[in-house]
């Protein structure tokens, strides 16, 4: 896939200049730096520099899968709305809650039935969506698990890290649709390079 070159607005350029003036991100490997900076930019929250948990080799493989056309699944339309340069799959409108199953969890099941293994999963709202994904044999290219909230968010992200799946997560209860979309966008916007290896 060869997308049209992205034109960066001067306001965004200035925002990143100010971010880098306040926080040295030069020690991060390339894709980790891209994710950290874009997440911080989306939330104006410098604490994400130490709150995010990433692995560069996972990001390199996910970056390649994304640019090779792997499906992108999101838990809610707000995440989809933030990913403007790629089609996404969101099955929340088709889902229903049931005994022991939230609507968000059911949507994840439906999405997995549609896309199968190898997708990139972007979860920014519902901890139960992330918990459900962890019960499936999804073999994801990457899980961006950044749900927000006081109930279950930090725990679901801890479970994601313990699963050993390739992931972007954070330790705190912070997160949300904007930061989850930003993490995916960082991989979308980052140029394809033959020099980056896991």
N, C-alpha and C. Protein backbone atom coordinates (compact mmCIF):
# COMPACT_ATOMS: atom_id res chain seq x y z
N UNK A 1 0.85 -1.18 0.00
CA UNK A 1 0.00 0.00 0.00
C UNK A 1 0.89 1.24 0.00
N UNK A 2 0.62 2.15 -0.91
CA UNK A 2 1.37 3.40 -0.98
C UNK A 2 0.42 4.57 -0.81
N UNK A 3 0.14 4.96 0.44
CA UNK A 3 -0.79 6.06 0.65
C UNK A 3 -0.20 7.38 0.19
N UNK A 4 -1.08 8.31 -0.11
CA UNK A 4 -0.65 9.65 -0.49
C UNK A 4 0.06 10.29 0.70
N UNK A 5 1.13 11.02 0.42
CA UNK A 5 1.90 11.65 1.49
C UNK A 5 0.98 12.54 2.34
N UNK A 6 1.17 12.45 3.64
CA UNK A 6 0.35 13.21 4.58
C UNK A 6 0.89 14.63 4.70
N UNK A 7 0.00 15.61 4.58
CA UNK A 7 0.38 17.00 4.75
C UNK A 7 0.13 17.38 6.22
N UNK A 8 1.18 17.82 6.89
CA UNK A 8 1.07 18.16 8.31
C UNK A 8 0.76 19.65 8.45
N UNK A 9 -0.31 19.94 9.17
CA UNK A 9 -0.74 21.33 9.37
C UNK A 9 0.27 22.06 10.25
N UNK A 10 0.49 23.35 10.01
CA UNK A 10 1.43 24.13 10.83
C UNK A 10 1.13 24.09 12.33
N UNK A 11 -0.14 24.01 12.70
CA UNK A 11 -0.48 23.95 14.13
C UNK A 11 0.05 22.65 14.73
N UNK A 12 -0.10 21.54 13.99
CA UNK A 12 0.42 20.27 14.47
C UNK A 12 1.95 20.31 14.56
N UNK A 13 2.59 20.90 13.58
CA UNK A 13 4.05 21.02 13.61
C UNK A 13 4.50 21.79 14.85
N UNK A 14 3.81 22.88 15.14
CA UNK A 14 4.17 23.69 16.30
C UNK A 14 3.89 22.96 17.61
N UNK A 15 2.81 22.20 17.63
CA UNK A 15 2.48 21.43 18.83
C UNK A 15 3.57 20.41 19.13
N UNK A 16 4.04 19.71 18.10
CA UNK A 16 5.11 18.73 18.31
C UNK A 16 6.42 19.41 18.68
N UNK A 17 6.67 20.59 18.14
CA UNK A 17 7.88 21.33 18.51
C UNK A 17 7.85 21.67 19.99
N UNK A 18 6.71 22.14 20.46
CA UNK A 18 6.58 22.48 21.89
C UNK A 18 6.67 21.24 22.77
N UNK A 19 6.06 20.15 22.33
CA UNK A 19 6.14 18.90 23.08
C UNK A 19 7.60 18.50 23.26
N UNK A 20 8.37 18.54 22.16
CA UNK A 20 9.78 18.12 22.23
C UNK A 20 10.64 19.11 23.01
N UNK A 21 10.20 20.35 23.09
CA UNK A 21 10.92 21.33 23.90
C UNK A 21 10.73 21.05 25.39
N UNK A 22 9.61 20.44 25.74
CA UNK A 22 9.30 20.15 27.14
C UNK A 22 9.69 18.75 27.56
N UNK A 23 9.87 17.85 26.58
CA UNK A 23 10.15 16.46 26.91
C UNK A 23 11.12 15.89 25.88
N UNK A 24 12.23 15.35 26.35
CA UNK A 24 13.21 14.73 25.46
C UNK A 24 12.76 13.30 25.16
N UNK A 25 12.38 13.07 23.91
CA UNK A 25 11.96 11.73 23.49
C UNK A 25 13.01 11.06 22.59
N UNK A 26 14.16 11.67 22.48
CA UNK A 26 15.17 11.19 21.52
C UNK A 26 15.74 9.82 21.90
N UNK A 27 15.60 9.41 23.17
CA UNK A 27 16.15 8.12 23.59
C UNK A 27 15.26 6.95 23.22
N UNK A 28 14.02 7.21 22.80
CA UNK A 28 13.12 6.13 22.41
C UNK A 28 13.49 5.61 21.02
N UNK A 29 13.33 4.30 20.76
CA UNK A 29 13.48 3.80 19.39
C UNK A 29 12.41 4.42 18.50
N UNK A 30 12.59 4.38 17.17
CA UNK A 30 11.75 5.16 16.26
C UNK A 30 10.24 4.98 16.40
N UNK A 31 9.74 3.77 16.37
CA UNK A 31 8.29 3.58 16.44
C UNK A 31 7.75 3.84 17.84
N UNK A 32 8.51 3.47 18.85
CA UNK A 32 8.09 3.79 20.23
C UNK A 32 7.99 5.30 20.39
N UNK A 33 8.98 6.01 19.87
CA UNK A 33 8.95 7.47 19.95
C UNK A 33 7.72 8.02 19.23
N UNK A 34 7.42 7.48 18.05
CA UNK A 34 6.26 7.95 17.30
C UNK A 34 4.97 7.74 18.09
N UNK A 35 4.82 6.58 18.72
CA UNK A 35 3.62 6.28 19.49
C UNK A 35 3.54 7.18 20.72
N UNK A 36 4.64 7.26 21.46
CA UNK A 36 4.65 8.08 22.68
C UNK A 36 4.32 9.53 22.35
N UNK A 37 4.97 10.08 21.35
CA UNK A 37 4.72 11.49 21.01
C UNK A 37 3.29 11.73 20.55
N UNK A 38 2.75 10.84 19.73
CA UNK A 38 1.40 11.08 19.21
C UNK A 38 0.37 10.90 20.31
N UNK A 39 0.57 9.96 21.23
CA UNK A 39 -0.35 9.80 22.35
C UNK A 39 -0.29 11.04 23.24
N UNK A 40 0.91 11.50 23.56
CA UNK A 40 1.04 12.72 24.37
C UNK A 40 0.38 13.90 23.68
N UNK A 41 0.61 14.02 22.39
CA UNK A 41 0.02 15.11 21.61
C UNK A 41 -1.50 15.07 21.67
N UNK A 42 -2.09 13.87 21.61
CA UNK A 42 -3.55 13.75 21.58
C UNK A 42 -4.19 14.14 22.91
N UNK A 43 -3.44 13.98 24.00
CA UNK A 43 -4.00 14.22 25.34
C UNK A 43 -3.38 15.42 26.05
N UNK A 44 -2.33 16.01 25.46
CA UNK A 44 -1.57 17.07 26.13
C UNK A 44 -1.16 16.62 27.53
N UNK A 45 -0.71 15.38 27.61
CA UNK A 45 -0.38 14.79 28.91
C UNK A 45 1.01 14.14 28.81
N UNK A 46 2.00 14.83 29.37
CA UNK A 46 3.38 14.36 29.30
C UNK A 46 3.62 13.08 30.10
N UNK A 47 2.73 12.77 31.04
CA UNK A 47 2.91 11.58 31.87
C UNK A 47 2.86 10.28 31.06
N UNK A 48 2.28 10.34 29.88
CA UNK A 48 2.24 9.12 29.05
C UNK A 48 3.65 8.65 28.69
N UNK A 49 4.64 9.52 28.76
CA UNK A 49 6.01 9.12 28.43
C UNK A 49 6.50 8.01 29.36
N UNK A 50 6.02 8.00 30.59
CA UNK A 50 6.42 6.96 31.54
C UNK A 50 5.29 5.98 31.82
N UNK A 51 4.07 6.29 31.42
CA UNK A 51 2.91 5.44 31.68
C UNK A 51 2.71 4.38 30.59
N UNK A 52 3.09 4.69 29.36
CA UNK A 52 2.91 3.75 28.25
C UNK A 52 3.88 2.58 28.36
N UNK A 53 3.41 1.42 27.92
CA UNK A 53 4.24 0.21 27.86
C UNK A 53 4.22 -0.28 26.42
N UNK A 54 5.40 -0.29 25.79
CA UNK A 54 5.50 -0.72 24.39
C UNK A 54 6.75 -1.58 24.23
N UNK A 55 6.82 -2.24 23.09
CA UNK A 55 8.00 -3.03 22.74
C UNK A 55 8.30 -2.73 21.27
N UNK A 56 9.49 -2.24 21.00
CA UNK A 56 9.83 -1.80 19.64
C UNK A 56 9.71 -2.94 18.63
N UNK A 57 10.14 -4.13 18.99
CA UNK A 57 10.06 -5.23 18.02
C UNK A 57 8.61 -5.56 17.69
N UNK A 58 7.71 -5.48 18.68
CA UNK A 58 6.28 -5.67 18.41
C UNK A 58 5.76 -4.59 17.48
N UNK A 59 6.19 -3.36 17.71
CA UNK A 59 5.73 -2.24 16.88
C UNK A 59 6.23 -2.37 15.45
N UNK A 60 7.45 -2.83 15.28
CA UNK A 60 7.99 -3.01 13.92
C UNK A 60 7.16 -4.03 13.15
N UNK A 61 6.85 -5.15 13.78
CA UNK A 61 6.04 -6.18 13.12
C UNK A 61 4.63 -5.66 12.85
N UNK A 62 4.05 -4.95 13.81
CA UNK A 62 2.70 -4.40 13.62
C UNK A 62 2.67 -3.36 12.52
N UNK A 63 3.71 -2.53 12.47
CA UNK A 63 3.82 -1.50 11.43
C UNK A 63 3.83 -2.16 10.05
N UNK A 64 4.60 -3.23 9.92
CA UNK A 64 4.65 -3.95 8.64
C UNK A 64 3.30 -4.56 8.30
N UNK A 65 2.65 -5.18 9.29
CA UNK A 65 1.34 -5.78 9.05
C UNK A 65 0.30 -4.74 8.65
N UNK A 66 0.31 -3.61 9.34
CA UNK A 66 -0.63 -2.53 9.05
C UNK A 66 -0.46 -2.04 7.62
N UNK A 67 0.79 -1.80 7.23
CA UNK A 67 1.05 -1.27 5.89
C UNK A 67 0.90 -2.33 4.80
N UNK A 68 0.82 -3.60 5.22
CA UNK A 68 0.54 -4.67 4.26
C UNK A 68 -0.96 -4.93 4.13
N UNK A 69 -1.76 -4.19 4.89
CA UNK A 69 -3.21 -4.29 4.74
C UNK A 69 -3.94 -5.08 5.79
N UNK A 70 -3.30 -5.40 6.92
CA UNK A 70 -4.00 -6.13 7.98
C UNK A 70 -5.23 -5.34 8.44
N UNK A 71 -6.33 -6.03 8.77
CA UNK A 71 -7.52 -5.31 9.23
C UNK A 71 -7.27 -4.57 10.55
N UNK A 72 -8.00 -3.49 10.74
CA UNK A 72 -7.96 -2.72 11.98
C UNK A 72 -9.35 -2.80 12.60
N UNK A 73 -9.41 -3.32 13.83
CA UNK A 73 -10.67 -3.46 14.55
C UNK A 73 -10.67 -2.48 15.71
N UNK A 74 -11.78 -1.78 15.90
CA UNK A 74 -11.91 -0.83 17.01
C UNK A 74 -13.10 -1.23 17.89
N UNK A 75 -13.06 -0.80 19.14
CA UNK A 75 -14.16 -1.17 20.04
C UNK A 75 -15.35 -0.23 19.94
N UNK A 76 -15.11 1.03 19.59
CA UNK A 76 -16.21 2.01 19.51
C UNK A 76 -15.99 2.94 18.32
N UNK A 77 -17.08 3.58 17.89
CA UNK A 77 -17.01 4.49 16.74
C UNK A 77 -16.13 5.71 17.01
N UNK A 78 -15.99 6.09 18.28
CA UNK A 78 -15.13 7.23 18.60
C UNK A 78 -13.68 6.93 18.26
N UNK A 79 -13.25 5.70 18.44
CA UNK A 79 -11.90 5.32 18.04
C UNK A 79 -11.81 5.35 16.52
N UNK A 80 -12.81 4.78 15.86
CA UNK A 80 -12.83 4.78 14.39
C UNK A 80 -12.77 6.19 13.83
N UNK A 81 -13.47 7.12 14.48
CA UNK A 81 -13.51 8.51 14.00
C UNK A 81 -12.13 9.15 14.06
N UNK A 82 -11.29 8.70 14.98
CA UNK A 82 -9.95 9.26 15.10
C UNK A 82 -8.94 8.67 14.13
N UNK A 83 -9.31 7.57 13.47
CA UNK A 83 -8.42 6.92 12.50
C UNK A 83 -8.94 7.27 11.11
N UNK A 84 -8.42 8.34 10.56
CA UNK A 84 -9.02 8.90 9.34
C UNK A 84 -8.40 8.40 8.05
N UNK A 85 -7.28 7.70 8.14
CA UNK A 85 -6.60 7.28 6.92
C UNK A 85 -6.68 5.78 6.69
N UNK A 86 -7.64 5.13 7.35
CA UNK A 86 -7.74 3.68 7.21
C UNK A 86 -9.16 3.23 7.54
N UNK A 87 -9.69 2.30 6.77
CA UNK A 87 -10.98 1.70 7.10
C UNK A 87 -10.82 0.86 8.37
N UNK A 88 -11.85 0.83 9.18
CA UNK A 88 -11.82 0.04 10.40
C UNK A 88 -13.08 -0.82 10.49
N UNK A 89 -13.01 -1.81 11.35
CA UNK A 89 -14.16 -2.67 11.63
C UNK A 89 -14.63 -2.35 13.05
N UNK A 90 -15.90 -2.01 13.19
CA UNK A 90 -16.51 -1.79 14.50
C UNK A 90 -17.88 -2.45 14.46
N UNK A 91 -18.12 -3.42 15.34
CA UNK A 91 -19.38 -4.17 15.31
C UNK A 91 -20.29 -3.82 16.49
N UNK A 92 -20.03 -2.69 17.15
CA UNK A 92 -20.82 -2.34 18.33
C UNK A 92 -22.30 -2.17 18.00
N UNK A 93 -22.61 -1.63 16.83
CA UNK A 93 -24.02 -1.42 16.46
C UNK A 93 -24.77 -2.74 16.31
N UNK A 94 -24.04 -3.81 16.02
CA UNK A 94 -24.67 -5.11 15.80
C UNK A 94 -24.71 -5.96 17.07
N UNK A 95 -24.11 -5.47 18.14
CA UNK A 95 -23.93 -6.28 19.35
C UNK A 95 -25.07 -6.06 20.34
N UNK A 96 -25.22 -7.04 21.21
CA UNK A 96 -26.23 -6.95 22.27
C UNK A 96 -25.66 -7.53 23.56
N UNK A 97 -26.04 -6.93 24.66
CA UNK A 97 -25.61 -7.45 25.96
C UNK A 97 -26.41 -8.70 26.29
N UNK A 98 -25.80 -9.57 27.06
CA UNK A 98 -26.48 -10.79 27.50
C UNK A 98 -25.99 -11.17 28.87
N UNK A 99 -26.46 -12.28 29.40
CA UNK A 99 -26.00 -12.71 30.74
C UNK A 99 -24.48 -12.89 30.76
N UNK A 100 -23.81 -12.12 31.60
CA UNK A 100 -22.36 -12.22 31.74
C UNK A 100 -21.58 -11.68 30.55
N UNK A 101 -22.24 -10.94 29.66
CA UNK A 101 -21.58 -10.44 28.46
C UNK A 101 -22.04 -9.02 28.18
N UNK A 102 -21.10 -8.08 28.19
CA UNK A 102 -21.47 -6.70 27.85
C UNK A 102 -21.61 -6.56 26.34
N UNK A 103 -22.26 -5.51 25.94
CA UNK A 103 -22.41 -5.22 24.50
C UNK A 103 -21.04 -5.06 23.85
N UNK A 104 -20.11 -4.40 24.53
CA UNK A 104 -18.76 -4.20 24.00
C UNK A 104 -18.04 -5.52 23.80
N UNK A 105 -18.19 -6.45 24.75
CA UNK A 105 -17.56 -7.76 24.62
C UNK A 105 -18.17 -8.53 23.46
N UNK A 106 -19.50 -8.47 23.31
CA UNK A 106 -20.15 -9.15 22.20
C UNK A 106 -19.66 -8.59 20.86
N UNK A 107 -19.47 -7.28 20.80
CA UNK A 107 -18.97 -6.65 19.57
C UNK A 107 -17.59 -7.19 19.19
N UNK A 108 -16.76 -7.44 20.19
CA UNK A 108 -15.43 -8.00 19.92
C UNK A 108 -15.56 -9.40 19.34
N UNK A 109 -16.47 -10.20 19.88
CA UNK A 109 -16.70 -11.54 19.33
C UNK A 109 -17.12 -11.45 17.87
N UNK A 110 -18.08 -10.56 17.59
CA UNK A 110 -18.57 -10.41 16.22
C UNK A 110 -17.45 -9.96 15.28
N UNK A 111 -16.63 -9.04 15.75
CA UNK A 111 -15.52 -8.55 14.92
C UNK A 111 -14.52 -9.66 14.63
N UNK A 112 -14.23 -10.48 15.65
CA UNK A 112 -13.29 -11.59 15.43
C UNK A 112 -13.84 -12.57 14.41
N UNK A 113 -15.15 -12.86 14.48
CA UNK A 113 -15.77 -13.74 13.49
C UNK A 113 -15.61 -13.18 12.08
N UNK A 114 -15.60 -11.86 11.98
CA UNK A 114 -15.48 -11.21 10.66
C UNK A 114 -14.05 -11.19 10.15
N UNK A 115 -13.08 -10.84 11.00
CA UNK A 115 -11.71 -10.60 10.50
C UNK A 115 -10.76 -11.76 10.73
N UNK A 116 -11.03 -12.62 11.71
CA UNK A 116 -10.12 -13.73 11.98
C UNK A 116 -8.80 -13.26 12.58
N UNK A 117 -7.76 -14.12 12.52
CA UNK A 117 -6.48 -13.78 13.13
C UNK A 117 -5.70 -12.76 12.32
N UNK A 118 -4.72 -12.14 13.00
CA UNK A 118 -3.78 -11.25 12.33
C UNK A 118 -4.16 -9.79 12.25
N UNK A 119 -5.24 -9.40 12.88
CA UNK A 119 -5.69 -8.00 12.83
C UNK A 119 -4.96 -7.15 13.87
N UNK A 120 -5.07 -5.84 13.71
CA UNK A 120 -4.67 -4.89 14.75
C UNK A 120 -5.94 -4.47 15.47
N UNK A 121 -5.94 -4.61 16.79
CA UNK A 121 -7.10 -4.32 17.62
C UNK A 121 -6.83 -3.04 18.40
N UNK A 122 -7.76 -2.09 18.33
CA UNK A 122 -7.58 -0.79 18.98
C UNK A 122 -8.75 -0.58 19.94
N UNK A 123 -8.46 -0.71 21.22
CA UNK A 123 -9.50 -0.64 22.26
C UNK A 123 -9.21 0.56 23.15
N UNK A 124 -10.11 1.53 23.09
CA UNK A 124 -9.90 2.77 23.83
C UNK A 124 -11.01 3.14 24.78
N UNK A 125 -12.04 2.31 24.85
CA UNK A 125 -13.18 2.68 25.68
C UNK A 125 -13.48 1.64 26.75
N UNK A 126 -13.77 0.41 26.33
CA UNK A 126 -14.37 -0.56 27.24
C UNK A 126 -13.37 -1.61 27.73
N UNK A 127 -13.10 -1.64 29.03
CA UNK A 127 -12.26 -2.72 29.56
C UNK A 127 -12.81 -4.10 29.24
N UNK A 128 -14.15 -4.25 29.21
CA UNK A 128 -14.72 -5.57 28.92
C UNK A 128 -14.42 -6.01 27.49
N UNK A 129 -14.25 -5.05 26.58
CA UNK A 129 -13.87 -5.40 25.20
C UNK A 129 -12.46 -6.01 25.20
N UNK A 130 -11.56 -5.40 25.94
CA UNK A 130 -10.20 -5.92 26.03
C UNK A 130 -10.18 -7.28 26.72
N UNK A 131 -10.95 -7.41 27.79
CA UNK A 131 -11.02 -8.69 28.49
C UNK A 131 -11.53 -9.79 27.57
N UNK A 132 -12.54 -9.48 26.75
CA UNK A 132 -13.09 -10.47 25.83
C UNK A 132 -12.06 -10.86 24.77
N UNK A 133 -11.35 -9.88 24.24
CA UNK A 133 -10.33 -10.17 23.23
C UNK A 133 -9.31 -11.17 23.77
N UNK A 134 -8.97 -11.04 25.04
CA UNK A 134 -7.97 -11.92 25.64
C UNK A 134 -8.46 -13.36 25.78
N UNK A 135 -9.77 -13.59 25.65
CA UNK A 135 -10.29 -14.95 25.71
C UNK A 135 -10.30 -15.62 24.34
N UNK A 136 -10.09 -14.86 23.29
CA UNK A 136 -10.16 -15.38 21.93
C UNK A 136 -8.78 -15.79 21.43
N UNK A 137 -8.75 -16.66 20.45
CA UNK A 137 -7.49 -17.07 19.83
C UNK A 137 -7.24 -16.17 18.63
N UNK A 138 -7.10 -14.87 18.91
CA UNK A 138 -7.09 -13.87 17.83
C UNK A 138 -5.75 -13.74 17.12
N UNK A 139 -4.67 -14.23 17.70
CA UNK A 139 -3.33 -14.09 17.11
C UNK A 139 -3.15 -12.70 16.50
N UNK A 140 -3.30 -11.65 17.30
CA UNK A 140 -3.28 -10.29 16.75
C UNK A 140 -1.90 -9.86 16.28
N UNK A 141 -1.88 -8.99 15.28
CA UNK A 141 -0.63 -8.33 14.90
C UNK A 141 -0.23 -7.36 16.00
N UNK A 142 -1.23 -6.76 16.64
CA UNK A 142 -0.99 -5.84 17.76
C UNK A 142 -2.32 -5.59 18.46
N UNK A 143 -2.26 -5.42 19.77
CA UNK A 143 -3.40 -4.95 20.53
C UNK A 143 -3.02 -3.61 21.14
N UNK A 144 -3.72 -2.57 20.73
CA UNK A 144 -3.58 -1.27 21.40
C UNK A 144 -4.68 -1.25 22.45
N UNK A 145 -4.29 -1.53 23.67
CA UNK A 145 -5.24 -1.64 24.77
C UNK A 145 -5.12 -0.44 25.69
N UNK A 146 -5.94 0.56 25.43
CA UNK A 146 -5.89 1.80 26.22
C UNK A 146 -7.29 2.21 26.70
N UNK A 147 -8.08 1.24 27.25
CA UNK A 147 -9.38 1.64 27.78
C UNK A 147 -9.21 2.54 29.00
N UNK A 148 -10.23 3.33 29.26
CA UNK A 148 -10.17 4.32 30.32
C UNK A 148 -11.22 4.00 31.37
N UNK A 149 -10.96 4.34 32.62
CA UNK A 149 -12.01 4.22 33.63
C UNK A 149 -11.48 3.76 34.97
N UNK A 150 -12.35 3.90 35.97
CA UNK A 150 -11.99 3.52 37.34
C UNK A 150 -12.33 2.07 37.64
N UNK A 151 -13.13 1.43 36.79
CA UNK A 151 -13.52 0.05 37.02
C UNK A 151 -12.99 -0.83 35.89
N UNK A 152 -11.99 -1.61 36.20
CA UNK A 152 -11.50 -2.60 35.26
C UNK A 152 -10.47 -2.16 34.24
N UNK A 153 -10.26 -0.86 34.08
CA UNK A 153 -9.35 -0.41 33.01
C UNK A 153 -7.91 -0.81 33.30
N UNK A 154 -7.39 -0.43 34.45
CA UNK A 154 -6.00 -0.77 34.77
C UNK A 154 -5.81 -2.28 34.83
N UNK A 155 -6.82 -2.98 35.36
CA UNK A 155 -6.72 -4.43 35.49
C UNK A 155 -6.72 -5.12 34.13
N UNK A 156 -7.55 -4.64 33.21
CA UNK A 156 -7.59 -5.26 31.88
C UNK A 156 -6.28 -5.03 31.14
N UNK A 157 -5.68 -3.88 31.34
CA UNK A 157 -4.39 -3.60 30.68
C UNK A 157 -3.26 -4.43 31.30
N UNK A 158 -3.35 -4.65 32.61
CA UNK A 158 -2.38 -5.53 33.26
C UNK A 158 -2.50 -6.95 32.72
N UNK A 159 -3.74 -7.40 32.51
CA UNK A 159 -3.97 -8.73 31.95
C UNK A 159 -3.44 -8.82 30.52
N UNK A 160 -3.59 -7.74 29.76
CA UNK A 160 -3.04 -7.71 28.40
C UNK A 160 -1.53 -7.90 28.44
N UNK A 161 -0.85 -7.17 29.31
CA UNK A 161 0.61 -7.29 29.40
C UNK A 161 1.01 -8.71 29.84
N UNK A 162 0.25 -9.28 30.75
CA UNK A 162 0.56 -10.63 31.24
C UNK A 162 0.32 -11.69 30.17
N UNK A 163 -0.51 -11.39 29.19
CA UNK A 163 -0.87 -12.37 28.15
C UNK A 163 0.29 -12.68 27.21
N UNK A 164 1.25 -11.75 27.11
CA UNK A 164 2.36 -11.94 26.18
C UNK A 164 2.03 -11.57 24.75
N UNK A 165 0.81 -11.09 24.49
CA UNK A 165 0.46 -10.65 23.14
C UNK A 165 1.21 -9.36 22.79
N UNK A 166 1.50 -9.14 21.50
CA UNK A 166 2.13 -7.87 21.11
C UNK A 166 1.16 -6.72 21.42
N UNK A 167 1.63 -5.73 22.15
CA UNK A 167 0.67 -4.75 22.67
C UNK A 167 1.28 -3.38 22.91
N UNK A 168 0.39 -2.41 22.91
CA UNK A 168 0.64 -1.08 23.47
C UNK A 168 -0.40 -0.93 24.58
N UNK A 169 0.06 -0.61 25.78
CA UNK A 169 -0.86 -0.40 26.89
C UNK A 169 -0.30 0.71 27.77
N UNK A 170 -0.99 0.95 28.87
CA UNK A 170 -0.44 1.85 29.88
C UNK A 170 -0.82 1.34 31.25
N UNK A 171 -0.10 1.79 32.24
CA UNK A 171 -0.25 1.24 33.59
C UNK A 171 -1.42 1.85 34.34
N UNK A 172 -1.70 3.11 34.12
CA UNK A 172 -2.71 3.80 34.91
C UNK A 172 -4.12 3.58 34.37
N UNK A 173 -5.09 4.21 35.03
CA UNK A 173 -6.50 4.14 34.61
C UNK A 173 -6.78 5.05 33.42
N UNK A 174 -5.82 5.90 33.06
CA UNK A 174 -6.00 6.81 31.93
C UNK A 174 -6.09 6.04 30.63
N UNK A 175 -6.59 6.71 29.62
CA UNK A 175 -6.70 6.12 28.29
C UNK A 175 -7.80 6.83 27.55
N UNK A 176 -8.49 6.12 26.69
CA UNK A 176 -9.61 6.69 25.98
C UNK A 176 -9.48 6.58 24.48
N UNK A 177 -10.57 6.94 23.81
CA UNK A 177 -10.64 6.80 22.36
C UNK A 177 -9.58 7.61 21.64
N UNK A 178 -9.36 8.84 22.08
CA UNK A 178 -8.40 9.71 21.39
C UNK A 178 -6.98 9.16 21.46
N UNK A 179 -6.57 8.68 22.63
CA UNK A 179 -5.19 8.19 22.75
C UNK A 179 -5.03 6.84 22.04
N UNK A 180 -6.06 6.01 22.06
CA UNK A 180 -5.98 4.73 21.35
C UNK A 180 -5.85 4.97 19.84
N UNK A 181 -6.68 5.86 19.32
CA UNK A 181 -6.58 6.20 17.89
C UNK A 181 -5.23 6.80 17.57
N UNK A 182 -4.72 7.63 18.47
CA UNK A 182 -3.41 8.27 18.25
C UNK A 182 -2.30 7.24 18.15
N UNK A 183 -2.35 6.21 18.97
CA UNK A 183 -1.32 5.17 18.92
C UNK A 183 -1.33 4.46 17.57
N UNK A 184 -2.53 4.17 17.06
CA UNK A 184 -2.62 3.53 15.74
C UNK A 184 -2.16 4.50 14.66
N UNK A 185 -2.57 5.75 14.76
CA UNK A 185 -2.17 6.75 13.76
C UNK A 185 -0.66 6.91 13.71
N UNK A 186 0.00 6.78 14.85
CA UNK A 186 1.46 6.88 14.87
C UNK A 186 2.07 5.84 13.94
N UNK A 187 1.51 4.64 13.95
CA UNK A 187 2.02 3.59 13.05
C UNK A 187 1.61 3.84 11.61
N UNK A 188 0.43 4.38 11.41
CA UNK A 188 -0.01 4.70 10.05
C UNK A 188 0.84 5.80 9.42
N UNK A 189 1.16 6.81 10.21
CA UNK A 189 1.87 7.97 9.68
C UNK A 189 3.37 7.74 9.55
N UNK A 190 3.90 6.78 10.31
CA UNK A 190 5.34 6.55 10.29
C UNK A 190 5.75 5.95 8.95
N UNK A 191 6.78 6.49 8.33
CA UNK A 191 7.17 5.99 7.01
C UNK A 191 7.65 4.55 7.06
N UNK A 192 7.47 3.87 5.94
CA UNK A 192 7.98 2.51 5.80
C UNK A 192 9.47 2.60 5.52
N UNK A 193 10.26 1.85 6.30
CA UNK A 193 11.71 1.91 6.15
C UNK A 193 12.28 0.51 6.13
N UNK A 194 13.19 0.26 5.22
CA UNK A 194 13.84 -1.05 5.16
C UNK A 194 14.92 -1.17 6.24
N UNK A 195 15.27 -0.04 6.87
CA UNK A 195 16.32 -0.06 7.87
C UNK A 195 15.83 -0.52 9.24
N UNK A 196 14.52 -0.41 9.49
CA UNK A 196 13.99 -0.79 10.79
C UNK A 196 13.77 -2.28 10.83
N UNK A 197 14.39 -2.94 11.75
CA UNK A 197 14.24 -4.38 11.90
C UNK A 197 13.90 -4.68 13.36
N UNK A 198 13.15 -5.78 13.60
CA UNK A 198 12.82 -6.11 14.99
C UNK A 198 14.04 -6.42 15.82
